[in-house]
Amino acid sequence: MSVWNVPVGFAAGTGVTSLDELRRLADEATEDGYDNFWVSQIFGIDPIVGLAAIAPHLAGFDEVGTSVVPIYGRHPLALAASVRTAQASVDGRFTLGIGPSHEVFVDGLMGLDYDRPRAFTADHLAGLLPLLAGESVDHDGELVTTKAWLTIDAPPTPVLLAAMGTKMLELAGRLTAGTSLGQAVGPETIRTHISPTITAAAEAAGRPTPRIKAFVQVACTDDPEGYIAESAAGDGLYKNLPAYRSMLDREGLDSGAELIVAGDQEVIRAGVQRFLDAGANELRIGWRGDDQRTRAAVAELLAD
């Protein structure tokens, strides 16, 4: 267990462009002592296919999975078939993180209706969760209908829902194992909004304590203020996404770059701990800045 005393995952991010790169990152994360390994998706490789393809390189992790893949454009039947196939390849250690993404991607890139993302997500989960559990489903949804079964031999797959708004957090608490948070969610938002909302929903539904997986970007640097200012200059898209913008407003920040934990190793240790003190119970860590220097600093903390 690391200096933080919770499961710590490596965030491979959304920019992985090849299986060779994914293998390298998995091997490095294994060497450094991470407990689990996560991949997201925007324009990079498909994380579900990618993780299945590099399964021999994932043997050292307790858990592997997608921190988030978008559900628009993926019917529950197709998504469940891919996931259960990947689950079989990693001996039951796969966890699926999903989310509705953002209007600029769903409507802007795919031309799909994004008017009711929470209702769409609820319908999608109604079809997806039974299939991932190895059960048949007969769901007549308002936005997504799923009447299907699968014959893929694999263990059940847990689901984490990337949730930030109140209604999505309540959905996550009622139906899923928890939430995988994004780069705009800071400690104050976890303490006052994320943790109490999802925990109350899980308790009301009689479910176990939800997983709250914080995403913390870290950079080992001698000029933290300069690094954060430089990073903020390139954060124009993300800080203006409505869901992220509302989280940053809760945190009292202009940009998600201000949540980067930048400084020496002790600053990284203390900065990451703030997310746990706020109510997160798992970590997903992404490197920023000088990758090798940051990698070494975090690896030492993982070994403590």
C-alpha atoms as a PDB file:
ATOM      1  CA  MET A   1       0.000   0.000   0.000  1.00  0.00           C
ATOM      2  CA  SER A   2       1.226   3.502  -0.811  1.00  0.00           C
ATOM      3  CA  VAL A   3       1.791   6.481   1.489  1.00  0.00           C
ATOM      4  CA  TRP A   4      -1.886   7.315   0.806  1.00  0.00           C
ATOM      5  CA  ASN A   5      -3.247   3.954   2.084  1.00  0.00           C
ATOM      6  CA  VAL A   6      -5.874   3.568  -0.657  1.00  0.00           C
ATOM      7  CA  PRO A   7      -5.825   1.865  -4.064  1.00  0.00           C
ATOM      8  CA  VAL A   8      -3.840   4.022  -6.482  1.00  0.00           C
ATOM      9  CA  GLY A   9      -4.350   3.735 -10.228  1.00  0.00           C
ATOM     10  CA  PHE A  10      -2.271   5.024 -13.099  1.00  0.00           C
ATOM     11  CA  ALA A  11      -4.206   7.262 -15.485  1.00  0.00           C
ATOM     12  CA  ALA A  12      -3.017   6.519 -19.002  1.00  0.00           C
ATOM     13  CA  GLY A  13      -5.312   9.311 -20.197  1.00  0.00           C
ATOM     14  CA  THR A  14      -7.074   9.953 -23.483  1.00  0.00           C
ATOM     15  CA  GLY A  15      -4.052  10.523 -25.701  1.00  0.00           C
ATOM     16  CA  VAL A  16      -2.769   6.962 -26.166  1.00  0.00           C
ATOM     17  CA  THR A  17      -2.312   6.504 -29.909  1.00  0.00           C
ATOM     18  CA  SER A  18      -0.925   2.969 -30.235  1.00  0.00           C
ATOM     19  CA  LEU A  19      -0.813  -0.417 -28.575  1.00  0.00           C
ATOM     20  CA  ASP A  20       2.965  -0.067 -28.243  1.00  0.00           C
ATOM     21  CA  GLU A  21       2.460   3.066 -26.174  1.00  0.00           C
ATOM     22  CA  LEU A  22      -0.202   1.375 -24.059  1.00  0.00           C
ATOM     23  CA  ARG A  23       2.092  -1.590 -23.394  1.00  0.00           C
ATOM     24  CA  ARG A  24       4.921   0.742 -22.377  1.00  0.00           C
ATOM     25  CA  LEU A  25       2.694   2.671 -19.969  1.00  0.00           C
ATOM     26  CA  ALA A  26       1.350  -0.535 -18.438  1.00  0.00           C
ATOM     27  CA  ASP A  27       4.870  -1.901 -17.965  1.00  0.00           C
ATOM     28  CA  GLU A  28       6.047   1.357 -16.369  1.00  0.00           C
ATOM     29  CA  ALA A  29       3.025   1.499 -14.072  1.00  0.00           C
ATOM     30  CA  THR A  30       3.664  -2.097 -12.997  1.00  0.00           C
ATOM     31  CA  GLU A  31       7.309  -1.315 -12.251  1.00  0.00           C
ATOM     32  CA  ASP A  32       6.322   1.750 -10.231  1.00  0.00           C
ATOM     33  CA  GLY A  33       3.893  -0.133  -8.008  1.00  0.00           C
ATOM     34  CA  TYR A  34       0.462   1.147  -9.066  1.00  0.00           C
ATOM     35  CA  ASP A  35      -2.441  -1.018  -7.921  1.00  0.00           C
ATOM     36  CA  ASN A  36      -4.559  -0.550 -11.038  1.00  0.00           C
ATOM     37  CA  PHE A  37      -4.465   0.846 -14.569  1.00  0.00           C
ATOM     38  CA  TRP A  38      -7.009   3.060 -16.363  1.00  0.00           C
ATOM     39  CA  VAL A  39      -7.501   4.340 -19.903  1.00  0.00           C
ATOM     40  CA  SER A  40      -9.957   6.981 -21.129  1.00  0.00           C
ATOM     41  CA  GLN A  41     -11.196   7.786 -24.616  1.00  0.00           C
ATOM     42  CA  ILE A  42     -11.806  10.775 -26.810  1.00  0.00           C
ATOM     43  CA  PHE A  43      -9.832  10.419 -30.044  1.00  0.00           C
ATOM     44  CA  GLY A  44      -7.228   7.838 -29.008  1.00  0.00           C
ATOM     45  CA  ILE A  45      -7.350   4.060 -29.101  1.00  0.00           C
ATOM     46  CA  ASP A  46     -10.450   2.227 -27.932  1.00  0.00           C
ATOM     47  CA  PRO A  47      -9.638   1.437 -24.272  1.00  0.00           C
ATOM     48  CA  ILE A  48     -11.719  -1.740 -24.121  1.00  0.00           C
ATOM     49  CA  VAL A  49     -10.084  -3.255 -27.195  1.00  0.00           C
ATOM     50  CA  GLY A  50      -6.691  -1.907 -26.151  1.00  0.00           C
ATOM     51  CA  LEU A  51      -6.731  -3.411 -22.678  1.00  0.00           C
ATOM     52  CA  ALA A  52      -7.832  -6.793 -24.015  1.00  0.00           C
ATOM     53  CA  ALA A  53      -5.070  -6.668 -26.625  1.00  0.00           C
ATOM     54  CA  ILE A  54      -2.311  -6.086 -24.069  1.00  0.00           C
ATOM     55  CA  ALA A  55      -3.681  -8.450 -21.409  1.00  0.00           C
ATOM     56  CA  PRO A  56      -0.308 -10.170 -20.730  1.00  0.00           C
ATOM     57  CA  HIS A  57       1.124  -6.768 -19.715  1.00  0.00           C
ATOM     58  CA  LEU A  58      -1.637  -6.227 -17.132  1.00  0.00           C
ATOM     59  CA  ALA A  59      -0.955  -9.255 -14.928  1.00  0.00           C
ATOM     60  CA  GLY A  60       0.548  -7.149 -12.143  1.00  0.00           C
ATOM     61  CA  PHE A  61      -2.574  -5.061 -11.486  1.00  0.00           C
ATOM     62  CA  ASP A  62      -5.420  -5.851  -9.131  1.00  0.00           C
ATOM     63  CA  GLU A  63      -7.832  -4.063 -11.465  1.00  0.00           C
ATOM     64  CA  VAL A  64      -7.810  -2.584 -14.958  1.00  0.00           C
ATOM     65  CA  GLY A  65     -10.447  -0.676 -16.833  1.00  0.00           C
ATOM     66  CA  THR A  66     -11.777   2.410 -18.481  1.00  0.00           C
ATOM     67  CA  SER A  67     -11.883   5.555 -16.386  1.00  0.00           C
ATOM     68  CA  VAL A  68     -14.555   6.689 -18.829  1.00  0.00           C
ATOM     69  CA  VAL A  69     -15.791   5.775 -22.286  1.00  0.00           C
ATOM     70  CA  PRO A  70     -18.745   7.634 -23.839  1.00  0.00           C
ATOM     71  CA  ILE A  71     -22.035   5.752 -24.069  1.00  0.00           C
ATOM     72  CA  TYR A  72     -23.545   7.792 -26.909  1.00  0.00           C
ATOM     73  CA  GLY A  73     -22.892   5.895 -30.103  1.00  0.00           C
ATOM     74  CA  ARG A  74     -22.611   2.568 -28.202  1.00  0.00           C
ATOM     75  CA  HIS A  75     -25.787   0.534 -27.722  1.00  0.00           C
ATOM     76  CA  PRO A  76     -25.783  -1.448 -24.439  1.00  0.00           C
ATOM     77  CA  LEU A  77     -25.723  -4.757 -26.318  1.00  0.00           C
ATOM     78  CA  ALA A  78     -22.644  -3.830 -28.352  1.00  0.00           C
ATOM     79  CA  LEU A  79     -20.867  -2.277 -25.370  1.00  0.00           C
ATOM     80  CA  ALA A  80     -21.606  -5.246 -23.111  1.00  0.00           C
ATOM     81  CA  ALA A  81     -20.313  -7.702 -25.719  1.00  0.00           C
ATOM     82  CA  SER A  82     -17.021  -5.812 -25.985  1.00  0.00           C
ATOM     83  CA  VAL A  83     -16.657  -5.515 -22.224  1.00  0.00           C
ATOM     84  CA  ARG A  84     -17.426  -9.139 -21.424  1.00  0.00           C
ATOM     85  CA  THR A  85     -14.912 -10.204 -24.064  1.00  0.00           C
ATOM     86  CA  ALA A  86     -12.290  -7.923 -22.497  1.00  0.00           C
ATOM     87  CA  GLN A  87     -13.256  -9.200 -19.039  1.00  0.00           C
ATOM     88  CA  ALA A  88     -12.497 -12.756 -20.101  1.00  0.00           C
ATOM     89  CA  SER A  89      -9.059 -11.670 -21.342  1.00  0.00           C
ATOM     90  CA  VAL A  90      -7.984 -10.228 -17.959  1.00  0.00           C
ATOM     91  CA  ASP A  91      -9.388 -12.967 -15.704  1.00  0.00           C
ATOM     92  CA  GLY A  92     -12.221 -10.960 -14.162  1.00  0.00           C
ATOM     93  CA  ARG A  93     -10.246  -7.816 -13.239  1.00  0.00           C
ATOM     94  CA  PHE A  94     -11.969  -5.427 -15.667  1.00  0.00           C
ATOM     95  CA  THR A  95     -14.094  -2.485 -14.455  1.00  0.00           C
ATOM     96  CA  LEU A  96     -16.085  -0.365 -16.879  1.00  0.00           C
ATOM     97  CA  GLY A  97     -16.143   3.398 -16.387  1.00  0.00           C
ATOM     98  CA  ILE A  98     -18.748   5.131 -18.558  1.00  0.00           C
ATOM     99  CA  GLY A  99     -20.222   8.589 -19.000  1.00  0.00           C
ATOM    100  CA  PRO A 100     -22.496  10.573 -21.301  1.00  0.00           C
ATOM    101  CA  SER A 101     -19.602  12.795 -22.483  1.00  0.00           C
ATOM    102  CA  HIS A 102     -20.453  16.385 -23.496  1.00  0.00           C
ATOM    103  CA  GLU A 103     -22.743  18.056 -26.007  1.00  0.00           C
ATOM    104  CA  VAL A 104     -19.848  19.437 -28.045  1.00  0.00           C
ATOM    105  CA  PHE A 105     -18.709  15.861 -28.748  1.00  0.00           C
ATOM    106  CA  VAL A 106     -22.057  14.062 -28.962  1.00  0.00           C
ATOM    107  CA  ASP A 107     -24.015  16.614 -30.983  1.00  0.00           C
ATOM    108  CA  GLY A 108     -21.084  18.385 -32.595  1.00  0.00           C
ATOM    109  CA  LEU A 109     -19.153  15.304 -33.754  1.00  0.00           C
ATOM    110  CA  MET A 110     -21.811  12.602 -34.048  1.00  0.00           C
ATOM    111  CA  GLY A 111     -24.954  14.621 -34.687  1.00  0.00           C
ATOM    112  CA  LEU A 112     -26.803  12.860 -31.874  1.00  0.00           C
ATOM    113  CA  ASP A 113     -29.434  14.410 -29.617  1.00  0.00           C
ATOM    114  CA  TYR A 114     -27.966  15.479 -26.266  1.00  0.00           C
ATOM    115  CA  ASP A 115     -31.078  17.102 -24.788  1.00  0.00           C
ATOM    116  CA  ARG A 116     -31.576  14.588 -21.947  1.00  0.00           C
ATOM    117  CA  PRO A 117     -28.251  13.001 -20.994  1.00  0.00           C
ATOM    118  CA  ARG A 118     -29.387  11.817 -17.551  1.00  0.00           C
ATOM    119  CA  ALA A 119     -32.481  10.060 -18.947  1.00  0.00           C
ATOM    120  CA  PHE A 120     -30.378   8.561 -21.735  1.00  0.00           C
ATOM    121  CA  THR A 121     -27.829   7.316 -19.200  1.00  0.00           C
ATOM    122  CA  ALA A 122     -30.558   5.776 -17.014  1.00  0.00           C
ATOM    123  CA  ASP A 123     -32.028   3.917 -19.994  1.00  0.00           C
ATOM    124  CA  HIS A 124     -28.574   2.811 -21.101  1.00  0.00           C
ATOM    125  CA  LEU A 125     -27.744   1.448 -17.645  1.00  0.00           C
ATOM    126  CA  ALA A 126     -31.063  -0.402 -17.515  1.00  0.00           C
ATOM    127  CA  GLY A 127     -29.961  -2.375 -20.564  1.00  0.00           C
ATOM    128  CA  LEU A 128     -26.240  -2.554 -19.820  1.00  0.00           C
ATOM    129  CA  LEU A 129     -26.089  -3.669 -16.182  1.00  0.00           C
ATOM    130  CA  PRO A 130     -27.981  -6.957 -16.574  1.00  0.00           C
ATOM    131  CA  LEU A 131     -25.930  -7.888 -19.632  1.00  0.00           C
ATOM    132  CA  LEU A 132     -22.675  -7.212 -17.761  1.00  0.00           C
ATOM    133  CA  ALA A 133     -23.948  -9.417 -14.944  1.00  0.00           C
ATOM    134  CA  GLY A 134     -24.542 -12.291 -17.366  1.00  0.00           C
ATOM    135  CA  GLU A 135     -28.321 -11.878 -17.362  1.00  0.00           C
ATOM    136  CA  SER A 136     -30.862 -11.299 -20.101  1.00  0.00           C
ATOM    137  CA  VAL A 137     -32.646  -7.950 -20.297  1.00  0.00           C
ATOM    138  CA  ASP A 138     -36.049  -6.824 -21.525  1.00  0.00           C
ATOM    139  CA  HIS A 139     -36.121  -3.042 -21.206  1.00  0.00           C
ATOM    140  CA  ASP A 140     -38.485  -0.831 -23.178  1.00  0.00           C
ATOM    141  CA  GLY A 141     -36.829   2.523 -22.683  1.00  0.00           C
ATOM    142  CA  GLU A 142     -37.997   5.964 -23.637  1.00  0.00           C
ATOM    143  CA  LEU A 143     -34.628   6.732 -25.241  1.00  0.00           C
ATOM    144  CA  VAL A 144     -32.834   3.362 -25.351  1.00  0.00           C
ATOM    145  CA  THR A 145     -34.492  -0.036 -25.696  1.00  0.00           C
ATOM    146  CA  THR A 146     -32.566  -3.226 -24.976  1.00  0.00           C
ATOM    147  CA  LYS A 147     -34.066  -6.706 -25.340  1.00  0.00           C
ATOM    148  CA  ALA A 148     -31.151  -9.083 -25.502  1.00  0.00           C
ATOM    149  CA  TRP A 149     -28.801 -11.617 -23.935  1.00  0.00           C
ATOM    150  CA  LEU A 150     -25.193 -12.629 -24.457  1.00  0.00           C
ATOM    151  CA  THR A 151     -23.510 -16.025 -24.508  1.00  0.00           C
ATOM    152  CA  ILE A 152     -20.001 -14.784 -23.657  1.00  0.00           C
ATOM    153  CA  ASP A 153     -18.379 -16.716 -20.823  1.00  0.00           C
ATOM    154  CA  ALA A 154     -16.984 -14.085 -18.435  1.00  0.00           C
ATOM    155  CA  PRO A 155     -17.362 -12.930 -14.817  1.00  0.00           C
ATOM    156  CA  PRO A 156     -19.669  -9.968 -14.035  1.00  0.00           C
ATOM    157  CA  THR A 157     -18.244  -6.495 -14.636  1.00  0.00           C
ATOM    158  CA  PRO A 158     -18.562  -3.621 -12.126  1.00  0.00           C
ATOM    159  CA  VAL A 159     -19.524  -0.202 -13.492  1.00  0.00           C
ATOM    160  CA  LEU A 160     -18.392   3.270 -12.435  1.00  0.00           C
ATOM    161  CA  LEU A 161     -20.388   6.226 -13.725  1.00  0.00           C
ATOM    162  CA  ALA A 162     -18.571   9.487 -14.423  1.00  0.00           C
ATOM    163  CA  ALA A 163     -20.982  11.764 -12.591  1.00  0.00           C
ATOM    164  CA  MET A 164     -20.790  15.390 -11.509  1.00  0.00           C
ATOM    165  CA  GLY A 165     -24.314  16.841 -11.393  1.00  0.00           C
ATOM    166  CA  THR A 166     -26.682  15.970  -8.555  1.00  0.00           C
ATOM    167  CA  LYS A 167     -29.038  13.775 -10.601  1.00  0.00           C
ATOM    168  CA  MET A 168     -26.202  11.845 -12.223  1.00  0.00           C
ATOM    169  CA  LEU A 169     -24.544  11.286  -8.841  1.00  0.00           C
ATOM    170  CA  GLU A 170     -27.838   9.991  -7.463  1.00  0.00           C
ATOM    171  CA  LEU A 171     -28.082   7.642 -10.442  1.00  0.00           C
ATOM    172  CA  ALA A 172     -24.539   6.428  -9.823  1.00  0.00           C
ATOM    173  CA  GLY A 173     -25.235   5.851  -6.153  1.00  0.00           C
ATOM    174  CA  ARG A 174     -28.442   3.906  -6.792  1.00  0.00           C
ATOM    175  CA  LEU A 175     -27.272   1.696  -9.636  1.00  0.00           C
ATOM    176  CA  THR A 176     -23.487   1.447  -9.935  1.00  0.00           C
ATOM    177  CA  ALA A 177     -20.385   0.725  -7.876  1.00  0.00           C
ATOM    178  CA  GLY A 178     -19.484   4.406  -7.700  1.00  0.00           C
ATOM    179  CA  THR A 179     -18.020   7.245  -9.702  1.00  0.00           C
ATOM    180  CA  SER A 180     -14.822   7.958 -11.607  1.00  0.00           C
ATOM    181  CA  LEU A 181     -14.191  11.700 -11.436  1.00  0.00           C
ATOM    182  CA  GLY A 182     -12.720  13.981 -14.067  1.00  0.00           C
ATOM    183  CA  GLN A 183     -10.046  16.639 -14.094  1.00  0.00           C
ATOM    184  CA  ALA A 184     -12.312  19.495 -13.011  1.00  0.00           C
ATOM    185  CA  VAL A 185     -13.346  17.990  -9.664  1.00  0.00           C
ATOM    186  CA  GLY A 186     -11.329  19.242  -6.716  1.00  0.00           C
ATOM    187  CA  PRO A 187     -11.247  18.510  -2.992  1.00  0.00           C
ATOM    188  CA  GLU A 188     -13.811  21.119  -1.943  1.00  0.00           C
ATOM    189  CA  THR A 189     -16.286  19.863  -4.537  1.00  0.00           C
ATOM    190  CA  ILE A 190     -15.751  16.274  -3.382  1.00  0.00           C
ATOM    191  CA  ARG A 191     -16.308  17.278   0.251  1.00  0.00           C
ATOM    192  CA  THR A 192     -19.412  19.417  -0.204  1.00  0.00           C
ATOM    193  CA  HIS A 193     -21.084  17.843  -3.238  1.00  0.00           C
ATOM    194  CA  ILE A 194     -19.738  14.589  -4.686  1.00  0.00           C
ATOM    195  CA  SER A 195     -19.278  12.508  -1.548  1.00  0.00           C
ATOM    196  CA  PRO A 196     -22.458  13.457   0.330  1.00  0.00           C
ATOM    197  CA  THR A 197     -24.678  13.169  -2.757  1.00  0.00           C
ATOM    198  CA  ILE A 198     -23.532   9.791  -4.035  1.00  0.00           C
ATOM    199  CA  THR A 199     -23.200   8.334  -0.534  1.00  0.00           C
ATOM    200  CA  ALA A 200     -26.750   9.335   0.428  1.00  0.00           C
ATOM    201  CA  ALA A 201     -28.118   7.806  -2.783  1.00  0.00           C
ATOM    202  CA  ALA A 202     -26.261   4.540  -2.197  1.00  0.00           C
ATOM    203  CA  GLU A 203     -27.461   4.347   1.410  1.00  0.00           C
ATOM    204  CA  ALA A 204     -31.071   5.004   0.370  1.00  0.00           C
ATOM    205  CA  ALA A 205     -30.822   2.186  -2.173  1.00  0.00           C
ATOM    206  CA  GLY A 206     -29.278  -0.201   0.338  1.00  0.00           C
ATOM    207  CA  ARG A 207     -26.042  -0.407  -1.613  1.00  0.00           C
ATOM    208  CA  PRO A 208     -22.455  -0.592  -0.292  1.00  0.00           C
ATOM    209  CA  THR A 209     -20.345   2.519   0.262  1.00  0.00           C
ATOM    210  CA  PRO A 210     -19.733   3.891  -3.244  1.00  0.00           C
ATOM    211  CA  ARG A 211     -16.315   4.074  -4.805  1.00  0.00           C
ATOM    212  CA  ILE A 212     -15.230   7.686  -5.286  1.00  0.00           C
ATOM    213  CA  LYS A 213     -12.198   7.643  -7.560  1.00  0.00           C
ATOM    214  CA  ALA A 214     -10.513  11.050  -7.643  1.00  0.00           C
ATOM    215  CA  PHE A 215      -8.411  12.032 -10.642  1.00  0.00           C
ATOM    216  CA  VAL A 216      -5.313  13.957  -9.562  1.00  0.00           C
ATOM    217  CA  GLN A 217      -2.807  15.367 -12.014  1.00  0.00           C
ATOM    218  CA  VAL A 218       0.664  15.819 -10.557  1.00  0.00           C
ATOM    219  CA  ALA A 219       3.821  17.535 -11.785  1.00  0.00           C
ATOM    220  CA  CYS A 220       7.204  17.488 -10.081  1.00  0.00           C
ATOM    221  CA  THR A 221       8.617  20.931 -10.870  1.00  0.00           C
ATOM    222  CA  ASP A 222      10.732  23.724  -9.395  1.00  0.00           C
ATOM    223  CA  ASP A 223       8.361  26.349 -10.832  1.00  0.00           C
ATOM    224  CA  PRO A 224       4.828  25.295  -9.869  1.00  0.00           C
ATOM    225  CA  GLU A 225       3.253  28.703 -10.461  1.00  0.00           C
ATOM    226  CA  GLY A 226       4.778  28.977 -13.916  1.00  0.00           C
ATOM    227  CA  TYR A 227       3.790  25.439 -14.813  1.00  0.00           C
ATOM    228  CA  ILE A 228       0.177  25.934 -13.745  1.00  0.00           C
ATOM    229  CA  ALA A 229      -0.050  29.250 -15.593  1.00  0.00           C
ATOM    230  CA  GLU A 230       1.295  27.621 -18.757  1.00  0.00           C
ATOM    231  CA  SER A 231      -1.152  24.726 -18.407  1.00  0.00           C
ATOM    232  CA  ALA A 232      -4.089  27.080 -17.839  1.00  0.00           C
ATOM    233  CA  ALA A 233      -3.350  28.833 -21.124  1.00  0.00           C
ATOM    234  CA  GLY A 234      -4.166  25.608 -22.979  1.00  0.00           C
ATOM    235  CA  ASP A 235      -7.298  24.743 -20.998  1.00  0.00           C
ATOM    236  CA  GLY A 236      -9.799  26.735 -23.049  1.00  0.00           C
ATOM    237  CA  LEU A 237     -11.950  23.818 -24.200  1.00  0.00           C
ATOM    238  CA  TYR A 238     -12.260  21.893 -20.969  1.00  0.00           C
ATOM    239  CA  LYS A 239     -12.901  24.799 -18.648  1.00  0.00           C
ATOM    240  CA  ASN A 240     -15.817  25.873 -20.836  1.00  0.00           C
ATOM    241  CA  LEU A 241     -17.586  22.507 -20.997  1.00  0.00           C
ATOM    242  CA  PRO A 242     -20.787  23.118 -18.986  1.00  0.00           C
ATOM    243  CA  ALA A 243     -20.401  20.109 -16.676  1.00  0.00           C
ATOM    244  CA  TYR A 244     -16.764  20.960 -15.918  1.00  0.00           C
ATOM    245  CA  ARG A 245     -17.516  24.661 -15.639  1.00  0.00           C
ATOM    246  CA  SER A 246     -20.075  24.021 -12.911  1.00  0.00           C
ATOM    247  CA  MET A 247     -17.562  21.945 -10.935  1.00  0.00           C
ATOM    248  CA  LEU A 248     -14.859  24.594 -11.252  1.00  0.00           C
ATOM    249  CA  ASP A 249     -17.316  27.233 -10.099  1.00  0.00           C
ATOM    250  CA  ARG A 250     -18.042  25.126  -7.011  1.00  0.00           C
ATOM    251  CA  GLU A 251     -14.303  24.930  -6.389  1.00  0.00           C
ATOM    252  CA  GLY A 252     -13.878  28.673  -6.951  1.00  0.00           C
ATOM    253  CA  LEU A 253     -11.429  28.202  -9.813  1.00  0.00           C
ATOM    254  CA  ASP A 254     -11.174  29.496 -13.355  1.00  0.00           C
ATOM    255  CA  SER A 255      -9.374  26.505 -14.860  1.00  0.00           C
ATOM    256  CA  GLY A 256      -8.847  22.841 -14.148  1.00  0.00           C
ATOM    257  CA  ALA A 257      -5.130  23.541 -14.442  1.00  0.00           C
ATOM    258  CA  GLU A 258      -5.336  25.122 -10.997  1.00  0.00           C
ATOM    259  CA  LEU A 259      -6.083  21.650  -9.600  1.00  0.00           C
ATOM    260  CA  ILE A 260      -2.744  20.259 -10.811  1.00  0.00           C
ATOM    261  CA  VAL A 261      -0.645  19.341  -7.785  1.00  0.00           C
ATOM    262  CA  ALA A 262       2.663  20.897  -8.807  1.00  0.00           C
ATOM    263  CA  GLY A 263       5.870  21.137  -6.786  1.00  0.00           C
ATOM    264  CA  ASP A 264       8.323  18.816  -5.079  1.00  0.00           C
ATOM    265  CA  GLN A 265       7.621  15.341  -3.764  1.00  0.00           C
ATOM    266  CA  GLU A 266       6.272  16.561  -0.411  1.00  0.00           C
ATOM    267  CA  VAL A 267       3.903  18.961  -2.151  1.00  0.00           C
ATOM    268  CA  ILE A 268       2.644  16.059  -4.289  1.00  0.00           C
ATOM    269  CA  ARG A 269       2.143  13.852  -1.229  1.00  0.00           C
ATOM    270  CA  ALA A 270       0.191  16.504   0.661  1.00  0.00           C
ATOM    271  CA  GLY A 271      -1.732  17.739  -2.377  1.00  0.00           C
ATOM    272  CA  VAL A 272      -2.977  14.274  -3.286  1.00  0.00           C
ATOM    273  CA  GLN A 273      -3.905  13.632   0.351  1.00  0.00           C
ATOM    274  CA  ARG A 274      -6.303  16.605   0.241  1.00  0.00           C
ATOM    275  CA  PHE A 275      -8.532  14.698  -2.205  1.00  0.00           C
ATOM    276  CA  LEU A 276      -8.707  11.766   0.212  1.00  0.00           C
ATOM    277  CA  ASP A 277      -9.356  13.962   3.231  1.00  0.00           C
ATOM    278  CA  ALA A 278     -12.278  15.441   1.282  1.00  0.00           C
ATOM    279  CA  GLY A 279     -13.985  12.074   0.828  1.00  0.00           C
ATOM    280  CA  ALA A 280     -12.411  10.268  -2.137  1.00  0.00           C
ATOM    281  CA  ASN A 281     -11.543   6.649  -1.337  1.00  0.00           C
ATOM    282  CA  GLU A 282      -9.498   5.772  -4.429  1.00  0.00           C
ATOM    283  CA  LEU A 283      -6.987   7.609  -6.610  1.00  0.00           C
ATOM    284  CA  ARG A 284      -6.214   7.820 -10.292  1.00  0.00           C
ATOM    285  CA  ILE A 285      -2.955   9.700 -10.866  1.00  0.00           C
ATOM    286  CA  GLY A 286      -1.826  11.302 -14.102  1.00  0.00           C
ATOM    287  CA  TRP A 287       1.660  12.642 -14.786  1.00  0.00           C
ATOM    288  CA  ARG A 288       2.210  16.164 -16.026  1.00  0.00           C
ATOM    289  CA  GLY A 289       5.303  18.227 -16.832  1.00  0.00           C
ATOM    290  CA  ASP A 290       8.601  16.311 -16.871  1.00  0.00           C
ATOM    291  CA  ASP A 291       7.234  12.791 -17.087  1.00  0.00           C
ATOM    292  CA  GLN A 292      10.350  11.008 -15.859  1.00  0.00           C
ATOM    293  CA  ARG A 293      10.916  13.293 -12.890  1.00  0.00           C
ATOM    294  CA  THR A 294       7.249  13.107 -11.940  1.00  0.00           C
ATOM    295  CA  ARG A 295       7.199   9.362 -12.468  1.00  0.00           C
ATOM    296  CA  ALA A 296      10.151   8.891 -10.107  1.00  0.00           C
ATOM    297  CA  ALA A 297       8.650  11.127  -7.423  1.00  0.00           C
ATOM    298  CA  VAL A 298       5.323   9.279  -7.441  1.00  0.00           C
ATOM    299  CA  ALA A 299       6.994   5.854  -7.547  1.00  0.00           C
ATOM    300  CA  GLU A 300       8.829   6.671  -4.314  1.00  0.00           C
ATOM    301  CA  LEU A 301       5.538   7.636  -2.662  1.00  0.00           C
ATOM    302  CA  LEU A 302       3.941   4.404  -3.857  1.00  0.00           C
ATOM    303  CA  ALA A 303       6.798   2.434  -2.259  1.00  0.00           C
ATOM    304  CA  ASP A 304       6.424   4.066   1.188  1.00  0.00           C
END
